[in-house]
Amino acid sequence: MWMSDMDERALSHDNSEFVSITQAFLASELRSKIHCPRCGATIDFGGKVEWKGPDHFACGHCDRLVNKSLIIRAMNDLGIGQIPGMK
């Protein structure tokens, strides 16, 4: 099966640099200012976060589940990844 023109355009390399929302968040100062709502410890997004499903991760200090909405609110405060309805 031959690739269509559309497939070739999708595979062509673009020189623009893509920075994901996650990269922007992890590079910001805000990443070290988010605290676990359960124990109050600073959450280490550089290494001590274990995802427990699509919406929750475990705090590396108290091992309690935290919802990803905590990160979404922090990204909205930073001005990246604006998601309608999330404050």
C-alpha atoms as a PDB file:
ATOM      1  CA  MET A   1       0.000   0.000   0.000  1.00  0.00           C
ATOM      2  CA  TRP A   2       1.364   3.395  -1.025  1.00  0.00           C
ATOM      3  CA  MET A   3       1.350   6.417   1.242  1.00  0.00           C
ATOM      4  CA  SER A   4      -1.021   9.155   0.220  1.00  0.00           C
ATOM      5  CA  ASP A   5       0.081  12.787  -0.012  1.00  0.00           C
ATOM      6  CA  MET A   6      -1.652  13.393   3.309  1.00  0.00           C
ATOM      7  CA  ASP A   7       0.398  10.636   4.974  1.00  0.00           C
ATOM      8  CA  GLU A   8       3.621  12.134   3.613  1.00  0.00           C
ATOM      9  CA  ARG A   9       2.709  15.586   4.974  1.00  0.00           C
ATOM     10  CA  ALA A  10       1.973  14.064   8.370  1.00  0.00           C
ATOM     11  CA  LEU A  11       5.402  12.416   8.392  1.00  0.00           C
ATOM     12  CA  SER A  12       7.377  15.424   7.111  1.00  0.00           C
ATOM     13  CA  HIS A  13       9.716  17.068   9.626  1.00  0.00           C
ATOM     14  CA  ASP A  14       8.844  20.555  10.805  1.00  0.00           C
ATOM     15  CA  ASN A  15      11.639  22.738  12.166  1.00  0.00           C
ATOM     16  CA  SER A  16       9.462  24.405  14.799  1.00  0.00           C
ATOM     17  CA  GLU A  17      10.196  23.302  18.351  1.00  0.00           C
ATOM     18  CA  PHE A  18       7.337  21.814  20.339  1.00  0.00           C
ATOM     19  CA  VAL A  19       7.228  22.313  24.102  1.00  0.00           C
ATOM     20  CA  SER A  20       4.597  20.249  25.850  1.00  0.00           C
ATOM     21  CA  ILE A  21       2.498  21.522  28.719  1.00  0.00           C
ATOM     22  CA  THR A  22       4.270  19.014  30.949  1.00  0.00           C
ATOM     23  CA  GLN A  23       7.710  20.302  29.906  1.00  0.00           C
ATOM     24  CA  ALA A  24       6.644  23.895  30.576  1.00  0.00           C
ATOM     25  CA  PHE A  25       5.260  22.942  33.997  1.00  0.00           C
ATOM     26  CA  LEU A  26       8.357  20.960  35.010  1.00  0.00           C
ATOM     27  CA  ALA A  27      10.632  23.814  33.898  1.00  0.00           C
ATOM     28  CA  SER A  28       8.689  26.388  35.929  1.00  0.00           C
ATOM     29  CA  GLU A  29       9.242  27.463  39.521  1.00  0.00           C
ATOM     30  CA  LEU A  30       5.681  26.416  40.271  1.00  0.00           C
ATOM     31  CA  ARG A  31       6.581  22.717  40.139  1.00  0.00           C
ATOM     32  CA  SER A  32       8.413  23.019  43.460  1.00  0.00           C
ATOM     33  CA  LYS A  33       5.593  24.936  45.147  1.00  0.00           C
ATOM     34  CA  ILE A  34       2.827  22.355  44.957  1.00  0.00           C
ATOM     35  CA  HIS A  35       2.052  20.676  48.244  1.00  0.00           C
ATOM     36  CA  CYS A  36       0.174  17.479  48.959  1.00  0.00           C
ATOM     37  CA  PRO A  37      -3.306  18.377  50.201  1.00  0.00           C
ATOM     38  CA  ARG A  38      -3.139  15.399  52.582  1.00  0.00           C
ATOM     39  CA  CYS A  39       0.222  15.720  54.366  1.00  0.00           C
ATOM     40  CA  GLY A  40       1.414  19.187  53.287  1.00  0.00           C
ATOM     41  CA  ALA A  41       4.773  18.005  51.947  1.00  0.00           C
ATOM     42  CA  THR A  42       6.125  19.474  48.712  1.00  0.00           C
ATOM     43  CA  ILE A  43       5.438  17.073  45.848  1.00  0.00           C
ATOM     44  CA  ASP A  44       8.610  16.171  43.934  1.00  0.00           C
ATOM     45  CA  PHE A  45       7.504  16.134  40.296  1.00  0.00           C
ATOM     46  CA  GLY A  46      11.107  15.554  39.295  1.00  0.00           C
ATOM     47  CA  GLY A  47      11.130  12.000  40.536  1.00  0.00           C
ATOM     48  CA  LYS A  48       8.892  10.922  43.410  1.00  0.00           C
ATOM     49  CA  VAL A  49       5.519  10.834  41.665  1.00  0.00           C
ATOM     50  CA  GLU A  50       3.987   7.450  40.929  1.00  0.00           C
ATOM     51  CA  TRP A  51       0.915   7.492  38.700  1.00  0.00           C
ATOM     52  CA  LYS A  52      -1.851   5.193  39.919  1.00  0.00           C
ATOM     53  CA  GLY A  53      -4.196   5.600  36.974  1.00  0.00           C
ATOM     54  CA  PRO A  54      -5.243   8.201  34.462  1.00  0.00           C
ATOM     55  CA  ASP A  55      -6.367  10.744  37.078  1.00  0.00           C
ATOM     56  CA  HIS A  56      -4.441  10.053  40.280  1.00  0.00           C
ATOM     57  CA  PHE A  57      -0.870   9.862  41.514  1.00  0.00           C
ATOM     58  CA  ALA A  58       0.623   8.943  44.873  1.00  0.00           C
ATOM     59  CA  CYS A  59       2.379  11.491  47.058  1.00  0.00           C
ATOM     60  CA  GLY A  60       5.961  10.332  47.590  1.00  0.00           C
ATOM     61  CA  HIS A  61       5.773  11.265  51.277  1.00  0.00           C
ATOM     62  CA  CYS A  62       2.452   9.943  52.599  1.00  0.00           C
ATOM     63  CA  ASP A  63       1.594   7.593  49.687  1.00  0.00           C
ATOM     64  CA  ARG A  64      -1.977   8.967  49.581  1.00  0.00           C
ATOM     65  CA  LEU A  65      -3.705   9.427  46.234  1.00  0.00           C
ATOM     66  CA  VAL A  66      -3.886  12.949  44.801  1.00  0.00           C
ATOM     67  CA  ASN A  67      -6.056  13.934  41.835  1.00  0.00           C
ATOM     68  CA  LYS A  68      -4.390  15.432  38.762  1.00  0.00           C
ATOM     69  CA  SER A  69      -6.675  18.485  39.081  1.00  0.00           C
ATOM     70  CA  LEU A  70      -4.048  19.789  41.536  1.00  0.00           C
ATOM     71  CA  ILE A  71      -1.544  19.934  38.655  1.00  0.00           C
ATOM     72  CA  ILE A  72      -4.113  21.382  36.237  1.00  0.00           C
ATOM     73  CA  ARG A  73      -4.894  24.231  38.649  1.00  0.00           C
ATOM     74  CA  ALA A  74      -1.168  24.912  39.042  1.00  0.00           C
ATOM     75  CA  MET A  75      -0.693  24.995  35.252  1.00  0.00           C
ATOM     76  CA  ASN A  76      -3.642  27.386  34.921  1.00  0.00           C
ATOM     77  CA  ASP A  77      -2.059  29.621  37.588  1.00  0.00           C
ATOM     78  CA  LEU A  78       1.133  29.554  35.529  1.00  0.00           C
ATOM     79  CA  GLY A  79      -0.811  30.479  32.395  1.00  0.00           C
ATOM     80  CA  ILE A  80      -0.083  27.285  30.478  1.00  0.00           C
ATOM     81  CA  GLY A  81      -2.539  24.644  29.445  1.00  0.00           C
ATOM     82  CA  GLN A  82      -5.630  26.750  30.013  1.00  0.00           C
ATOM     83  CA  ILE A  83      -8.468  24.286  30.386  1.00  0.00           C
ATOM     84  CA  PRO A  84     -11.982  25.738  30.330  1.00  0.00           C
ATOM     85  CA  GLY A  85     -13.843  25.241  33.582  1.00  0.00           C
ATOM     86  CA  MET A  86     -10.761  24.480  35.685  1.00  0.00           C
ATOM     87  CA  LYS A  87      -9.706  27.088  38.245  1.00  0.00           C
END
